[in-house]
Amino acid sequence: MEHLRGLLTRSLGKKVTYEQLLEALETRYRDAHLEHVLRAQLKDRVQCIGEKLQQWALEVEKRVRKAYQSAPAH
């Protein structure tokens, strides 16, 4: 953690708080992690007992759009 704080301090030229460091790291890495999580959730999504096929398909479509936002449409 101190190494990261040192890098951030040198690049910004001032001391930063833990909260500022955490925010900077979350901003930098949030989307990459989120995309990975969404793809894993999509992979694990199965139709539940009693769930209508149409409802399951809508949920899968929503997850595909979220998990592959960076992919071109068609």
PDB file of N, CA and C in Angstrom:
ATOM      1  N   MET A   1       0.830  -1.186   0.000  1.00  0.00           N
ATOM      2  CA  MET A   1       0.000   0.000   0.000  1.00  0.00           C
ATOM      3  C   MET A   1       0.877   1.253   0.000  1.00  0.00           C
ATOM      4  N   GLU A   2       1.926   1.238   0.787  1.00  0.00           N
ATOM      5  CA  GLU A   2       2.811   2.408   0.836  1.00  0.00           C
ATOM      6  C   GLU A   2       3.458   2.668  -0.519  1.00  0.00           C
ATOM      7  N   HIS A   3       3.782   1.605  -1.236  1.00  0.00           N
ATOM      8  CA  HIS A   3       4.370   1.756  -2.566  1.00  0.00           C
ATOM      9  C   HIS A   3       3.401   2.497  -3.488  1.00  0.00           C
ATOM     10  N   LEU A   4       2.134   2.096  -3.468  1.00  0.00           N
ATOM     11  CA  LEU A   4       1.128   2.765  -4.302  1.00  0.00           C
ATOM     12  C   LEU A   4       0.942   4.213  -3.886  1.00  0.00           C
ATOM     13  N   ARG A   5       0.904   4.437  -2.587  1.00  0.00           N
ATOM     14  CA  ARG A   5       0.749   5.805  -2.096  1.00  0.00           C
ATOM     15  C   ARG A   5       1.937   6.657  -2.537  1.00  0.00           C
ATOM     16  N   GLY A   6       3.143   6.079  -2.494  1.00  0.00           N
ATOM     17  CA  GLY A   6       4.334   6.803  -2.929  1.00  0.00           C
ATOM     18  C   GLY A   6       4.282   7.151  -4.404  1.00  0.00           C
ATOM     19  N   LEU A   7       3.849   6.207  -5.219  1.00  0.00           N
ATOM     20  CA  LEU A   7       3.712   6.480  -6.652  1.00  0.00           C
ATOM     21  C   LEU A   7       2.703   7.584  -6.911  1.00  0.00           C
ATOM     22  N   LEU A   8       1.582   7.515  -6.225  1.00  0.00           N
ATOM     23  CA  LEU A   8       0.542   8.520  -6.409  1.00  0.00           C
ATOM     24  C   LEU A   8       1.016   9.882  -5.916  1.00  0.00           C
ATOM     25  N   THR A   9       1.715   9.888  -4.789  1.00  0.00           N
ATOM     26  CA  THR A   9       2.230  11.139  -4.240  1.00  0.00           C
ATOM     27  C   THR A   9       3.218  11.786  -5.202  1.00  0.00           C
ATOM     28  N   ARG A  10       4.130  10.985  -5.769  1.00  0.00           N
ATOM     29  CA  ARG A  10       5.106  11.532  -6.710  1.00  0.00           C
ATOM     30  C   ARG A  10       4.432  12.053  -7.970  1.00  0.00           C
ATOM     31  N   SER A  11       3.430  11.344  -8.444  1.00  0.00           N
ATOM     32  CA  SER A  11       2.787  11.780  -9.682  1.00  0.00           C
ATOM     33  C   SER A  11       1.917  13.009  -9.464  1.00  0.00           C
ATOM     34  N   LEU A  12       1.322  13.145  -8.285  1.00  0.00           N
ATOM     35  CA  LEU A  12       0.489  14.312  -8.011  1.00  0.00           C
ATOM     36  C   LEU A  12       1.269  15.436  -7.348  1.00  0.00           C
ATOM     37  N   GLY A  13       2.406  15.108  -6.763  1.00  0.00           N
ATOM     38  CA  GLY A  13       3.231  16.115  -6.127  1.00  0.00           C
ATOM     39  C   GLY A  13       2.733  16.542  -4.761  1.00  0.00           C
ATOM     40  N   LYS A  14       1.846  15.778  -4.151  1.00  0.00           N
ATOM     41  CA  LYS A  14       1.353  16.108  -2.812  1.00  0.00           C
ATOM     42  C   LYS A  14       0.954  14.825  -2.104  1.00  0.00           C
ATOM     43  N   LYS A  15       0.807  14.919  -0.805  1.00  0.00           N
ATOM     44  CA  LYS A  15       0.375  13.754  -0.038  1.00  0.00           C
ATOM     45  C   LYS A  15      -1.115  13.541  -0.253  1.00  0.00           C
ATOM     46  N   VAL A  16      -1.510  12.280  -0.208  1.00  0.00           N
ATOM     47  CA  VAL A  16      -2.919  11.950  -0.397  1.00  0.00           C
ATOM     48  C   VAL A  16      -3.410  11.127   0.783  1.00  0.00           C
ATOM     49  N   THR A  17      -4.696  11.170   1.010  1.00  0.00           N
ATOM     50  CA  THR A  17      -5.291  10.373   2.075  1.00  0.00           C
ATOM     51  C   THR A  17      -5.576   8.969   1.558  1.00  0.00           C
ATOM     52  N   TYR A  18      -5.864   8.087   2.478  1.00  0.00           N
ATOM     53  CA  TYR A  18      -6.217   6.719   2.108  1.00  0.00           C
ATOM     54  C   TYR A  18      -7.451   6.729   1.213  1.00  0.00           C
ATOM     55  N   GLU A  19      -8.430   7.554   1.550  1.00  0.00           N
ATOM     56  CA  GLU A  19      -9.663   7.634   0.768  1.00  0.00           C
ATOM     57  C   GLU A  19      -9.391   8.096  -0.663  1.00  0.00           C
ATOM     58  N   GLN A  20      -8.497   9.062  -0.831  1.00  0.00           N
ATOM     59  CA  GLN A  20      -8.149   9.537  -2.171  1.00  0.00           C
ATOM     60  C   GLN A  20      -7.440   8.444  -2.965  1.00  0.00           C
ATOM     61  N   LEU A  21      -6.566   7.713  -2.295  1.00  0.00           N
ATOM     62  CA  LEU A  21      -5.863   6.611  -2.941  1.00  0.00           C
ATOM     63  C   LEU A  21      -6.844   5.524  -3.353  1.00  0.00           C
ATOM     64  N   LEU A  22      -7.742   5.169  -2.457  1.00  0.00           N
ATOM     65  CA  LEU A  22      -8.742   4.147  -2.749  1.00  0.00           C
ATOM     66  C   LEU A  22      -9.622   4.567  -3.919  1.00  0.00           C
ATOM     67  N   GLU A  23     -10.045   5.811  -3.926  1.00  0.00           N
ATOM     68  CA  GLU A  23     -10.871   6.318  -5.027  1.00  0.00           C
ATOM     69  C   GLU A  23     -10.123   6.266  -6.355  1.00  0.00           C
ATOM     70  N   ALA A  24      -8.852   6.636  -6.337  1.00  0.00           N
ATOM     71  CA  ALA A  24      -8.051   6.603  -7.566  1.00  0.00           C
ATOM     72  C   ALA A  24      -7.905   5.175  -8.085  1.00  0.00           C
ATOM     73  N   LEU A  25      -7.662   4.230  -7.191  1.00  0.00           N
ATOM     74  CA  LEU A  25      -7.528   2.832  -7.596  1.00  0.00           C
ATOM     75  C   LEU A  25      -8.849   2.264  -8.103  1.00  0.00           C
ATOM     76  N   GLU A  26      -9.946   2.589  -7.416  1.00  0.00           N
ATOM     77  CA  GLU A  26     -11.257   2.109  -7.856  1.00  0.00           C
ATOM     78  C   GLU A  26     -11.607   2.672  -9.223  1.00  0.00           C
ATOM     79  N   THR A  27     -11.314   3.936  -9.424  1.00  0.00           N
ATOM     80  CA  THR A  27     -11.592   4.556 -10.717  1.00  0.00           C
ATOM     81  C   THR A  27     -10.779   3.884 -11.814  1.00  0.00           C
ATOM     82  N   ARG A  28      -9.541   3.556 -11.509  1.00  0.00           N
ATOM     83  CA  ARG A  28      -8.653   2.952 -12.508  1.00  0.00           C
ATOM     84  C   ARG A  28      -9.023   1.512 -12.854  1.00  0.00           C
ATOM     85  N   TYR A  29      -9.407   0.725 -11.841  1.00  0.00           N
ATOM     86  CA  TYR A  29      -9.578  -0.713 -12.053  1.00  0.00           C
ATOM     87  C   TYR A  29     -11.014  -1.218 -11.974  1.00  0.00           C
ATOM     88  N   ARG A  30     -11.958  -0.383 -11.642  1.00  0.00           N
ATOM     89  CA  ARG A  30     -13.343  -0.811 -11.439  1.00  0.00           C
ATOM     90  C   ARG A  30     -13.928  -1.497 -12.663  1.00  0.00           C
ATOM     91  N   ASP A  31     -13.851  -0.882 -13.819  1.00  0.00           N
ATOM     92  CA  ASP A  31     -14.503  -1.420 -15.010  1.00  0.00           C
ATOM     93  C   ASP A  31     -13.934  -2.769 -15.429  1.00  0.00           C
ATOM     94  N   ALA A  32     -12.642  -2.935 -15.351  1.00  0.00           N
ATOM     95  CA  ALA A  32     -12.036  -4.207 -15.736  1.00  0.00           C
ATOM     96  C   ALA A  32     -12.516  -5.325 -14.819  1.00  0.00           C
ATOM     97  N   HIS A  33     -12.574  -5.052 -13.546  1.00  0.00           N
ATOM     98  CA  HIS A  33     -13.039  -6.053 -12.590  1.00  0.00           C
ATOM     99  C   HIS A  33     -14.522  -6.326 -12.789  1.00  0.00           C
ATOM    100  N   LEU A  34     -15.295  -5.286 -12.984  1.00  0.00           N
ATOM    101  CA  LEU A  34     -16.737  -5.438 -13.152  1.00  0.00           C
ATOM    102  C   LEU A  34     -17.059  -6.275 -14.378  1.00  0.00           C
ATOM    103  N   GLU A  35     -16.373  -6.038 -15.465  1.00  0.00           N
ATOM    104  CA  GLU A  35     -16.609  -6.807 -16.687  1.00  0.00           C
ATOM    105  C   GLU A  35     -16.321  -8.285 -16.449  1.00  0.00           C
ATOM    106  N   HIS A  36     -15.263  -8.580 -15.730  1.00  0.00           N
ATOM    107  CA  HIS A  36     -14.916  -9.970 -15.412  1.00  0.00           C
ATOM    108  C   HIS A  36     -16.010 -10.617 -14.558  1.00  0.00           C
ATOM    109  N   VAL A  37     -16.493  -9.907 -13.558  1.00  0.00           N
ATOM    110  CA  VAL A  37     -17.547 -10.423 -12.679  1.00  0.00           C
ATOM    111  C   VAL A  37     -18.830 -10.655 -13.464  1.00  0.00           C
ATOM    112  N   LEU A  38     -19.204  -9.704 -14.307  1.00  0.00           N
ATOM    113  CA  LEU A  38     -20.429  -9.844 -15.094  1.00  0.00           C
ATOM    114  C   LEU A  38     -20.351 -11.031 -16.048  1.00  0.00           C
ATOM    115  N   ARG A  39     -19.209 -11.256 -16.643  1.00  0.00           N
ATOM    116  CA  ARG A  39     -19.051 -12.407 -17.544  1.00  0.00           C
ATOM    117  C   ARG A  39     -19.139 -13.720 -16.772  1.00  0.00           C
ATOM    118  N   ALA A  40     -18.600 -13.753 -15.573  1.00  0.00           N
ATOM    119  CA  ALA A  40     -18.696 -14.958 -14.743  1.00  0.00           C
ATOM    120  C   ALA A  40     -20.147 -15.213 -14.340  1.00  0.00           C
ATOM    121  N   GLN A  41     -20.874 -14.157 -13.991  1.00  0.00           N
ATOM    122  CA  GLN A  41     -22.283 -14.308 -13.640  1.00  0.00           C
ATOM    123  C   GLN A  41     -23.086 -14.797 -14.836  1.00  0.00           C
ATOM    124  N   LEU A  42     -22.778 -14.299 -16.001  1.00  0.00           N
ATOM    125  CA  LEU A  42     -23.468 -14.732 -17.212  1.00  0.00           C
ATOM    126  C   LEU A  42     -23.213 -16.218 -17.457  1.00  0.00           C
ATOM    127  N   LYS A  43     -21.977 -16.621 -17.305  1.00  0.00           N
ATOM    128  CA  LYS A  43     -21.607 -18.021 -17.527  1.00  0.00           C
ATOM    129  C   LYS A  43     -22.354 -18.953 -16.574  1.00  0.00           C
ATOM    130  N   ASP A  44     -22.569 -18.500 -15.346  1.00  0.00           N
ATOM    131  CA  ASP A  44     -23.198 -19.333 -14.323  1.00  0.00           C
ATOM    132  C   ASP A  44     -24.724 -19.245 -14.308  1.00  0.00           C
ATOM    133  N   ARG A  45     -25.304 -18.383 -15.124  1.00  0.00           N
ATOM    134  CA  ARG A  45     -26.762 -18.179 -15.093  1.00  0.00           C
ATOM    135  C   ARG A  45     -27.478 -19.355 -15.739  1.00  0.00           C
ATOM    136  N   VAL A  46     -28.291 -20.029 -14.954  1.00  0.00           N
ATOM    137  CA  VAL A  46     -29.105 -21.134 -15.452  1.00  0.00           C
ATOM    138  C   VAL A  46     -30.573 -20.811 -15.197  1.00  0.00           C
ATOM    139  N   GLN A  47     -31.433 -21.467 -15.937  1.00  0.00           N
ATOM    140  CA  GLN A  47     -32.861 -21.255 -15.759  1.00  0.00           C
ATOM    141  C   GLN A  47     -33.285 -21.901 -14.440  1.00  0.00           C
ATOM    142  N   CYS A  48     -33.946 -21.122 -13.602  1.00  0.00           N
ATOM    143  CA  CYS A  48     -34.398 -21.616 -12.304  1.00  0.00           C
ATOM    144  C   CYS A  48     -35.671 -22.444 -12.457  1.00  0.00           C
ATOM    145  N   ILE A  49     -35.909 -23.289 -11.483  1.00  0.00           N
ATOM    146  CA  ILE A  49     -37.138 -24.082 -11.482  1.00  0.00           C
ATOM    147  C   ILE A  49     -38.328 -23.131 -11.422  1.00  0.00           C
ATOM    148  N   GLY A  50     -39.266 -23.312 -12.330  1.00  0.00           N
ATOM    149  CA  GLY A  50     -40.462 -22.480 -12.368  1.00  0.00           C
ATOM    150  C   GLY A  50     -40.287 -21.165 -13.111  1.00  0.00           C
ATOM    151  N   GLU A  51     -39.076 -20.839 -13.514  1.00  0.00           N
ATOM    152  CA  GLU A  51     -38.828 -19.597 -14.245  1.00  0.00           C
ATOM    153  C   GLU A  51     -39.222 -19.799 -15.705  1.00  0.00           C
ATOM    154  N   LYS A  52     -40.011 -18.884 -16.214  1.00  0.00           N
ATOM    155  CA  LYS A  52     -40.438 -18.980 -17.611  1.00  0.00           C
ATOM    156  C   LYS A  52     -39.244 -18.740 -18.531  1.00  0.00           C
ATOM    157  N   LEU A  53     -39.270 -19.413 -19.659  1.00  0.00           N
ATOM    158  CA  LEU A  53     -38.179 -19.307 -20.623  1.00  0.00           C
ATOM    159  C   LEU A  53     -37.978 -17.861 -21.075  1.00  0.00           C
ATOM    160  N   GLN A  54     -39.074 -17.143 -21.303  1.00  0.00           N
ATOM    161  CA  GLN A  54     -38.982 -15.752 -21.750  1.00  0.00           C
ATOM    162  C   GLN A  54     -38.284 -14.876 -20.706  1.00  0.00           C
ATOM    163  N   GLN A  55     -38.615 -15.085 -19.431  1.00  0.00           N
ATOM    164  CA  GLN A  55     -37.988 -14.304 -18.367  1.00  0.00           C
ATOM    165  C   GLN A  55     -36.496 -14.624 -18.274  1.00  0.00           C
ATOM    166  N   TRP A  56     -36.164 -15.909 -18.363  1.00  0.00           N
ATOM    167  CA  TRP A  56     -34.761 -16.317 -18.330  1.00  0.00           C
ATOM    168  C   TRP A  56     -33.996 -15.690 -19.494  1.00  0.00           C
ATOM    169  N   ALA A  57     -34.601 -15.725 -20.690  1.00  0.00           N
ATOM    170  CA  ALA A  57     -33.951 -15.163 -21.878  1.00  0.00           C
ATOM    171  C   ALA A  57     -33.722 -13.662 -21.717  1.00  0.00           C
ATOM    172  N   LEU A  58     -34.693 -12.944 -21.151  1.00  0.00           N
ATOM    173  CA  LEU A  58     -34.523 -11.502 -20.923  1.00  0.00           C
ATOM    174  C   LEU A  58     -33.362 -11.232 -19.965  1.00  0.00           C
ATOM    175  N   GLU A  59     -33.269 -12.028 -18.906  1.00  0.00           N
ATOM    176  CA  GLU A  59     -32.172 -11.866 -17.947  1.00  0.00           C
ATOM    177  C   GLU A  59     -30.820 -12.142 -18.600  1.00  0.00           C
ATOM    178  N   VAL A  60     -30.754 -13.164 -19.426  1.00  0.00           N
ATOM    179  CA  VAL A  60     -29.504 -13.484 -20.123  1.00  0.00           C
ATOM    180  C   VAL A  60     -29.128 -12.345 -21.069  1.00  0.00           C
ATOM    181  N   GLU A  61     -30.100 -11.816 -21.809  1.00  0.00           N
ATOM    182  CA  GLU A  61     -29.824 -10.692 -22.720  1.00  0.00           C
ATOM    183  C   GLU A  61     -29.294  -9.485 -21.964  1.00  0.00           C
ATOM    184  N   LYS A  62     -29.884  -9.164 -20.815  1.00  0.00           N
ATOM    185  CA  LYS A  62     -29.420  -8.032 -20.002  1.00  0.00           C
ATOM    186  C   LYS A  62     -27.969  -8.240 -19.576  1.00  0.00           C
ATOM    187  N   ARG A  63     -27.670  -9.455 -19.131  1.00  0.00           N
ATOM    188  CA  ARG A  63     -26.308  -9.740 -18.674  1.00  0.00           C
ATOM    189  C   ARG A  63     -25.307  -9.690 -19.820  1.00  0.00           C
ATOM    190  N   VAL A  64     -25.710 -10.148 -20.990  1.00  0.00           N
ATOM    191  CA  VAL A  64     -24.822 -10.088 -22.161  1.00  0.00           C
ATOM    192  C   VAL A  64     -24.501  -8.636 -22.488  1.00  0.00           C
ATOM    193  N   ARG A  65     -25.517  -7.780 -22.508  1.00  0.00           N
ATOM    194  CA  ARG A  65     -25.283  -6.356 -22.816  1.00  0.00           C
ATOM    195  C   ARG A  65     -24.346  -5.713 -21.802  1.00  0.00           C
ATOM    196  N   LYS A  66     -24.516  -6.041 -20.523  1.00  0.00           N
ATOM    197  CA  LYS A  66     -23.647  -5.468 -19.490  1.00  0.00           C
ATOM    198  C   LYS A  66     -22.232  -6.036 -19.556  1.00  0.00           C
ATOM    199  N   ALA A  67     -22.128  -7.347 -19.753  1.00  0.00           N
ATOM    200  CA  ALA A  67     -20.819  -8.005 -19.725  1.00  0.00           C
ATOM    201  C   ALA A  67     -19.967  -7.675 -20.944  1.00  0.00           C
ATOM    202  N   TYR A  68     -20.610  -7.355 -22.060  1.00  0.00           N
ATOM    203  CA  TYR A  68     -19.879  -7.102 -23.309  1.00  0.00           C
ATOM    204  C   TYR A  68     -20.184  -5.706 -23.857  1.00  0.00           C
ATOM    205  N   GLN A  69     -20.194  -4.716 -22.974  1.00  0.00           N
ATOM    206  CA  GLN A  69     -20.477  -3.339 -23.383  1.00  0.00           C
ATOM    207  C   GLN A  69     -19.480  -2.823 -24.406  1.00  0.00           C
ATOM    208  N   SER A  70     -18.252  -3.278 -24.324  1.00  0.00           N
ATOM    209  CA  SER A  70     -17.219  -2.774 -25.232  1.00  0.00           C
ATOM    210  C   SER A  70     -17.265  -3.446 -26.600  1.00  0.00           C
ATOM    211  N   ALA A  71     -18.046  -4.503 -26.740  1.00  0.00           N
ATOM    212  CA  ALA A  71     -18.139  -5.207 -28.025  1.00  0.00           C
ATOM    213  C   ALA A  71     -19.067  -4.452 -28.973  1.00  0.00           C
ATOM    214  N   PRO A  72     -18.742  -4.455 -30.262  1.00  0.00           N
ATOM    215  CA  PRO A  72     -19.625  -3.783 -31.224  1.00  0.00           C
ATOM    216  C   PRO A  72     -20.959  -4.519 -31.330  1.00  0.00           C
ATOM    217  N   ALA A  73     -22.016  -3.765 -31.563  1.00  0.00           N
ATOM    218  CA  ALA A  73     -23.344  -4.365 -31.726  1.00  0.00           C
ATOM    219  C   ALA A  73     -23.430  -4.960 -33.123  1.00  0.00           C
ATOM    220  N   HIS A  74     -23.589  -6.256 -33.193  1.00  0.00           N
ATOM    221  CA  HIS A  74     -23.722  -7.040 -34.447  1.00  0.00           C
ATOM    222  C   HIS A  74     -22.488  -6.925 -35.260  1.00  0.00           C
TER     223      HIS A  74
END
